[in-house]
Amino acid sequence: MIDLQALRSLAAVERHGSVVAAADALGFSPSAVSQQIKKLERQSRAALLERQGRGVLLTERGRALVEHGVRLLADIERVESMLAAEDAPQGTFAVASFSTATRAFFGHVARRLAEDAPGMRLEVSSVDPVEAVELVAHGDAELAVVHNWNSVPLEVPAHVSLEPLCEDVADVILPASHRLADRTVLDRRDLLDETWCATPKGAICHEALMRLFSAEGTIPRIGFTDPDFATHVALANDGAALALVPRLGRPPLPEGVVALPLAGETPKRLVSAAYRRTMSESPGVRLIVHLLRHTRVI
């Protein structure tokens, strides 16, 4: 009978491109992953990997085994989820979340889990939603909290479900001494010559800022790049830059800045829980989604 963990190891090697990277993702030693794949090779009586520079590629037999094996593993996960539906959540539960959602949601969620599911242990990592979806899709996380900006859609594979949690609006943060600080709303055309702080390129929030002036045929001038919105607020407080900062997880603003909405289409993002469809009946997924849905965050 095929060893399911060995099958998972082979799929991880295909996804990450090397035995070492696959071992790191799975939490095993490279030697253990190599032994599992050698066992599969003995069972299939064929080579499954071939060297390619510093990494490895799957042979034709290896790719076929992963293609069929991934469907098998998904079916097993679906059955396990169904069988566990009436049980109390147990064990470690890996969650991927973007930083402001981690700050806004998971202190409350962790406290409630300690009361309602003491046998369950959370491991929450903060990553960009694109990476979070990949972690869930490939089985490296059970659940993710992600967001879709109205201007930047998030691509989600067909086998991953999204459950909406809340809507998050972004405001422009500018110094209280700024010439526009006394407005009630801001017109985009008045902001074309400003300097901005942005999250790093590739992050969804960066792309949302880049599209802020699309109707005007231009893009913001970026003077600072930092992944933390708290840094954006600090730079606005110092008068160095403006920032587009969502309200979710936003701490109290210092007296030296104001937060103002934009006129026209409001920059906003839909915050959702993402999980594999095979985990839809998982008691852990259902409990965490319930707690996320009932956490007051904005």
Protein backbone atom coordinates (compact mmCIF):
# COMPACT_ATOMS: atom_id res chain seq x y z
CA MET A 1 0.00 0.00 0.00
CA ILE A 2 1.27 3.49 -0.86
CA ASP A 3 2.53 5.47 2.12
CA LEU A 4 0.41 8.64 2.25
CA GLN A 5 3.09 10.68 4.01
CA ALA A 6 5.57 9.68 1.32
CA LEU A 7 3.06 10.86 -1.26
CA ARG A 8 2.77 14.20 0.55
CA SER A 9 6.57 14.46 0.54
CA LEU A 10 6.76 13.87 -3.21
CA ALA A 11 4.07 16.51 -3.81
CA ALA A 12 6.03 18.94 -1.61
CA VAL A 13 9.21 18.32 -3.61
CA GLU A 14 7.34 19.13 -6.83
CA ARG A 15 5.94 22.32 -5.28
CA HIS A 16 9.17 23.60 -3.70
CA GLY A 17 11.73 22.33 -6.22
CA SER A 18 14.11 20.53 -3.85
CA VAL A 19 14.19 17.93 -1.12
CA VAL A 20 15.63 20.44 1.37
CA ALA A 21 12.88 23.02 0.72
CA ALA A 22 10.19 20.34 0.88
CA ALA A 23 11.59 19.06 4.18
CA ASP A 24 11.58 22.58 5.62
CA ALA A 25 7.95 23.09 4.57
CA LEU A 26 6.86 19.74 6.02
CA GLY A 27 8.85 20.02 9.25
CA PHE A 28 10.95 16.90 8.51
CA SER A 29 14.65 16.39 7.94
CA PRO A 30 15.87 16.17 4.32
CA SER A 31 17.00 12.62 5.06
CA ALA A 32 13.48 11.61 6.14
CA VAL A 33 11.95 13.08 2.98
CA SER A 34 14.55 11.31 0.82
CA GLN A 35 13.81 8.00 2.53
CA GLN A 36 10.07 8.42 2.00
CA ILE A 37 10.55 9.08 -1.71
CA LYS A 38 12.95 6.14 -2.08
CA LYS A 39 10.22 3.98 -0.55
CA LEU A 40 7.79 5.23 -3.21
CA GLU A 41 10.36 4.49 -5.91
CA ARG A 42 10.70 0.92 -4.67
CA GLN A 43 6.91 0.53 -4.67
CA SER A 44 6.53 2.00 -8.17
CA ARG A 45 9.72 0.30 -9.48
CA ALA A 46 10.72 3.53 -11.23
CA ALA A 47 12.71 6.69 -10.58
CA LEU A 48 10.51 9.58 -9.43
CA LEU A 49 13.13 12.37 -9.24
CA GLU A 50 15.98 13.54 -11.44
CA ARG A 51 18.69 16.13 -10.71
CA GLN A 52 18.38 19.59 -12.27
CA GLY A 53 21.17 21.96 -11.21
CA ARG A 54 20.89 22.46 -7.45
CA GLY A 55 17.33 21.22 -7.37
CA VAL A 56 15.36 18.26 -8.63
CA LEU A 57 12.59 17.65 -11.14
CA LEU A 58 9.95 14.97 -11.09
CA THR A 59 10.15 12.32 -13.78
CA GLU A 60 7.10 11.58 -15.91
CA ARG A 61 6.18 8.77 -13.51
CA GLY A 62 6.67 11.12 -10.56
CA ARG A 63 4.42 13.81 -12.05
CA ALA A 64 1.70 11.25 -12.78
CA LEU A 65 1.93 9.91 -9.23
CA VAL A 66 1.58 13.41 -7.76
CA GLU A 67 -1.33 14.28 -10.06
CA HIS A 68 -3.33 11.24 -8.98
CA GLY A 69 -2.02 11.31 -5.43
CA VAL A 70 -3.13 14.89 -4.75
CA ARG A 71 -6.70 13.91 -5.63
CA LEU A 72 -6.41 10.88 -3.34
CA LEU A 73 -5.11 12.99 -0.46
CA ALA A 74 -7.95 15.50 -0.97
CA ASP A 75 -10.53 12.69 -0.83
CA ILE A 76 -8.99 11.35 2.38
CA GLU A 77 -8.97 14.83 3.91
CA ARG A 78 -12.65 15.26 2.99
CA VAL A 79 -13.56 11.94 4.65
CA GLU A 80 -11.53 12.76 7.75
CA SER A 81 -13.21 16.16 7.98
CA MET A 82 -16.65 14.56 7.70
CA LEU A 83 -15.88 11.93 10.35
CA ALA A 84 -14.55 14.57 12.73
CA ALA A 85 -17.50 16.94 12.26
CA GLU A 86 -19.12 16.00 15.57
CA ASP A 87 -15.86 15.94 17.55
CA ALA A 88 -14.25 18.70 19.58
CA PRO A 89 -11.31 20.33 17.72
CA GLN A 90 -7.97 18.83 18.70
CA GLY A 91 -4.30 19.32 17.87
CA THR A 92 -2.30 22.03 16.15
CA PHE A 93 -4.10 24.26 13.67
CA ALA A 94 -1.97 26.29 11.25
CA VAL A 95 -3.42 29.66 10.22
CA ALA A 96 -2.02 32.21 7.74
CA SER A 97 -3.21 35.79 8.18
CA PHE A 98 -2.21 39.25 6.99
CA SER A 99 -0.64 41.37 9.72
CA THR A 100 -3.48 43.77 10.56
CA ALA A 101 -5.96 40.89 10.71
CA THR A 102 -3.63 39.01 13.05
CA ARG A 103 -3.59 42.05 15.34
CA ALA A 104 -7.34 42.66 15.07
CA PHE A 105 -8.68 39.10 15.35
CA PHE A 106 -6.41 36.56 16.90
CA GLY A 107 -5.92 37.82 20.45
CA HIS A 108 -9.67 37.40 20.94
CA VAL A 109 -9.77 34.11 19.00
CA ALA A 110 -6.92 32.64 21.07
CA ARG A 111 -8.63 33.58 24.35
CA ARG A 112 -11.91 32.02 23.24
CA LEU A 113 -10.20 28.84 22.04
CA ALA A 114 -8.55 28.44 25.44
CA GLU A 115 -12.06 28.38 26.92
CA ASP A 116 -14.03 26.54 24.22
CA ALA A 117 -11.45 24.15 22.75
CA PRO A 118 -8.55 23.62 25.17
CA GLY A 119 -7.32 20.67 23.09
CA MET A 120 -6.70 22.93 20.11
CA ARG A 121 -3.46 24.87 19.58
CA LEU A 122 -3.17 27.77 17.12
CA GLU A 123 -0.05 28.55 15.10
CA VAL A 124 -0.67 31.88 13.34
CA SER A 125 1.81 33.31 10.82
CA SER A 126 1.41 36.75 9.21
CA VAL A 127 1.97 36.75 5.44
CA ASP A 128 0.58 38.54 2.38
CA PRO A 129 -2.80 37.15 1.21
CA VAL A 130 -1.28 35.78 -2.03
CA GLU A 131 1.12 33.61 -0.01
CA ALA A 132 -1.64 32.75 2.49
CA VAL A 133 -3.83 31.35 -0.30
CA GLU A 134 -0.92 29.26 -1.56
CA LEU A 135 -0.30 27.86 1.93
CA VAL A 136 -3.94 26.81 2.25
CA ALA A 137 -4.16 25.50 -1.31
CA HIS A 138 -1.12 23.26 -0.85
CA GLY A 139 -2.10 21.98 2.59
CA ASP A 140 0.55 23.91 4.54
CA ALA A 141 -2.14 25.79 6.51
CA GLU A 142 -5.65 24.73 7.49
CA LEU A 143 -7.13 28.21 7.21
CA ALA A 144 -6.18 31.73 6.13
CA VAL A 145 -7.56 35.21 6.67
CA VAL A 146 -7.18 37.12 3.41
CA HIS A 147 -8.50 40.24 1.72
CA ASN A 148 -9.73 41.33 -1.69
CA TRP A 149 -9.38 45.03 -2.53
CA ASN A 150 -12.18 46.30 -4.74
CA SER A 151 -9.45 47.40 -7.17
CA VAL A 152 -7.18 44.32 -6.88
CA PRO A 153 -8.90 40.92 -6.94
CA LEU A 154 -7.26 38.00 -5.15
CA GLU A 155 -6.85 34.86 -7.25
CA VAL A 156 -8.16 31.77 -5.44
CA PRO A 157 -7.95 28.18 -6.79
CA ALA A 158 -11.19 26.30 -7.39
CA HIS A 159 -10.58 23.91 -4.47
CA VAL A 160 -10.33 26.79 -1.96
CA SER A 161 -13.46 28.38 -0.47
CA LEU A 162 -13.85 31.96 0.77
CA GLU A 163 -16.24 32.95 3.57
CA PRO A 164 -16.70 36.73 4.01
CA LEU A 165 -15.97 38.08 7.49
CA CYS A 166 -16.16 41.87 7.25
CA GLU A 167 -15.55 44.86 5.01
CA ASP A 168 -12.54 47.07 5.69
CA VAL A 169 -12.31 50.69 4.49
CA ALA A 170 -9.01 52.53 3.91
CA ASP A 171 -8.45 56.21 4.68
CA VAL A 172 -5.72 58.62 3.66
CA ILE A 173 -3.46 59.43 6.63
CA LEU A 174 -1.91 62.89 6.39
CA PRO A 175 -0.23 65.33 8.78
CA ALA A 176 -2.60 67.49 10.82
CA SER A 177 -0.67 70.50 9.47
CA HIS A 178 -1.26 69.50 5.85
CA ARG A 179 -3.05 72.00 3.58
CA LEU A 180 -5.92 69.49 3.10
CA ALA A 181 -6.27 68.39 6.73
CA ASP A 182 -9.38 70.50 7.34
CA ARG A 183 -11.36 68.78 4.56
CA THR A 184 -14.10 66.26 5.35
CA VAL A 185 -13.31 64.19 2.22
CA LEU A 186 -10.38 64.26 -0.19
CA ASP A 187 -10.47 64.59 -3.96
CA ARG A 188 -7.92 62.38 -5.68
CA ARG A 189 -6.89 65.20 -8.01
CA ASP A 190 -5.69 67.23 -5.02
CA LEU A 191 -3.26 64.44 -4.07
CA LEU A 192 -1.46 63.87 -7.38
CA ASP A 193 1.76 65.65 -6.37
CA GLU A 194 2.07 64.14 -2.89
CA THR A 195 4.75 61.72 -1.65
CA TRP A 196 3.45 58.40 -0.33
CA CYS A 197 4.56 55.52 1.84
CA ALA A 198 3.73 52.09 0.40
CA THR A 199 3.96 48.43 1.32
CA PRO A 200 6.54 46.45 -0.71
CA LYS A 201 6.01 45.72 -4.40
CA GLY A 202 4.05 42.51 -4.95
CA ALA A 203 1.89 42.99 -1.87
CA ILE A 204 -1.81 43.46 -2.60
CA CYS A 205 -1.94 46.69 -0.57
CA HIS A 206 0.88 48.09 -2.73
CA GLU A 207 -1.10 47.33 -5.88
CA ALA A 208 -4.21 48.97 -4.39
CA LEU A 209 -2.25 52.17 -3.73
CA MET A 210 -0.77 52.07 -7.24
CA ARG A 211 -4.27 52.08 -8.70
CA LEU A 212 -5.50 54.95 -6.54
CA PHE A 213 -5.15 57.49 -9.36
CA SER A 214 -5.89 55.21 -12.31
CA ALA A 215 -8.78 57.45 -13.43
CA GLU A 216 -6.29 60.34 -13.59
CA GLY A 217 -3.86 58.35 -15.72
CA THR A 218 -1.01 58.42 -13.20
CA ILE A 219 0.40 56.56 -10.19
CA PRO A 220 1.42 57.77 -6.71
CA ARG A 221 4.98 58.94 -6.14
CA ILE A 222 6.46 56.50 -3.61
CA GLY A 223 9.07 57.95 -1.28
CA PHE A 224 9.07 55.20 1.38
CA THR A 225 8.46 51.45 1.32
CA ASP A 226 7.73 49.51 4.49
CA PRO A 227 5.54 46.47 5.25
CA ASP A 228 4.15 47.86 8.51
CA PHE A 229 1.28 50.38 8.46
CA ALA A 230 2.45 51.67 11.83
CA THR A 231 5.55 52.96 10.04
CA HIS A 232 3.32 54.63 7.44
CA VAL A 233 1.44 56.44 10.20
CA ALA A 234 4.70 57.49 11.87
CA LEU A 235 6.00 58.95 8.60
CA ALA A 236 2.76 60.88 8.14
CA ASN A 237 3.08 62.12 11.72
CA ASP A 238 6.56 63.44 10.85
CA GLY A 239 5.20 65.15 7.73
CA ALA A 240 7.33 62.97 5.44
CA ALA A 241 4.61 61.19 3.46
CA LEU A 242 0.94 60.38 3.09
CA ALA A 243 -0.38 56.84 3.44
CA LEU A 244 -3.42 54.79 2.50
CA VAL A 245 -4.17 52.80 5.67
CA PRO A 246 -7.06 50.37 6.26
CA ARG A 247 -9.07 50.69 9.47
CA LEU A 248 -8.81 47.01 10.43
CA GLY A 249 -6.32 46.58 13.24
CA ARG A 250 -5.35 50.26 13.10
CA PRO A 251 -4.19 51.49 16.52
CA PRO A 252 -5.28 54.93 17.84
CA LEU A 253 -3.74 57.60 15.65
CA PRO A 254 -1.31 60.15 17.10
CA GLU A 255 -2.47 63.74 17.45
CA GLY A 256 -0.19 64.82 14.62
CA VAL A 257 -2.20 63.09 11.88
CA VAL A 258 -5.75 62.94 10.56
CA ALA A 259 -7.52 60.15 8.69
CA LEU A 260 -9.77 61.28 5.86
CA PRO A 261 -11.92 59.32 3.39
CA LEU A 262 -11.60 59.69 -0.36
CA ALA A 263 -14.42 61.04 -2.52
CA GLY A 264 -15.79 58.77 -5.24
CA GLU A 265 -15.20 55.03 -5.09
CA THR A 266 -14.03 54.21 -1.58
CA PRO A 267 -10.84 52.11 -1.33
CA LYS A 268 -11.97 49.05 0.61
CA ARG A 269 -11.27 45.37 0.94
CA LEU A 270 -13.42 42.36 1.73
CA VAL A 271 -11.86 40.29 4.50
CA SER A 272 -12.56 36.55 4.23
CA ALA A 273 -11.61 33.19 5.70
CA ALA A 274 -10.07 30.80 3.16
CA TYR A 275 -9.90 27.03 3.50
CA ARG A 276 -9.83 23.97 1.28
CA ARG A 277 -13.28 22.71 0.29
CA THR A 278 -12.31 19.32 1.70
CA MET A 279 -12.08 20.99 5.14
CA SER A 280 -15.54 22.55 5.03
CA GLU A 281 -16.86 20.21 7.74
CA SER A 282 -13.76 20.38 9.92
CA PRO A 283 -14.75 21.30 13.50
CA GLY A 284 -11.61 23.40 13.80
CA VAL A 285 -12.41 25.39 10.67
CA ARG A 286 -16.03 25.89 11.70
CA LEU A 287 -15.09 27.04 15.21
CA ILE A 288 -12.41 29.51 14.08
CA VAL A 289 -14.62 30.96 11.34
CA HIS A 290 -17.40 31.38 13.92
CA LEU A 291 -15.05 33.19 16.32
CA LEU A 292 -13.65 35.40 13.54
CA ARG A 293 -17.17 36.30 12.41
CA HIS A 294 -18.17 37.36 15.94
CA THR A 295 -15.08 39.41 16.77
CA ARG A 296 -15.66 43.16 16.80
CA VAL A 297 -12.72 44.58 14.88
CA ILE A 298 -13.68 47.91 13.28
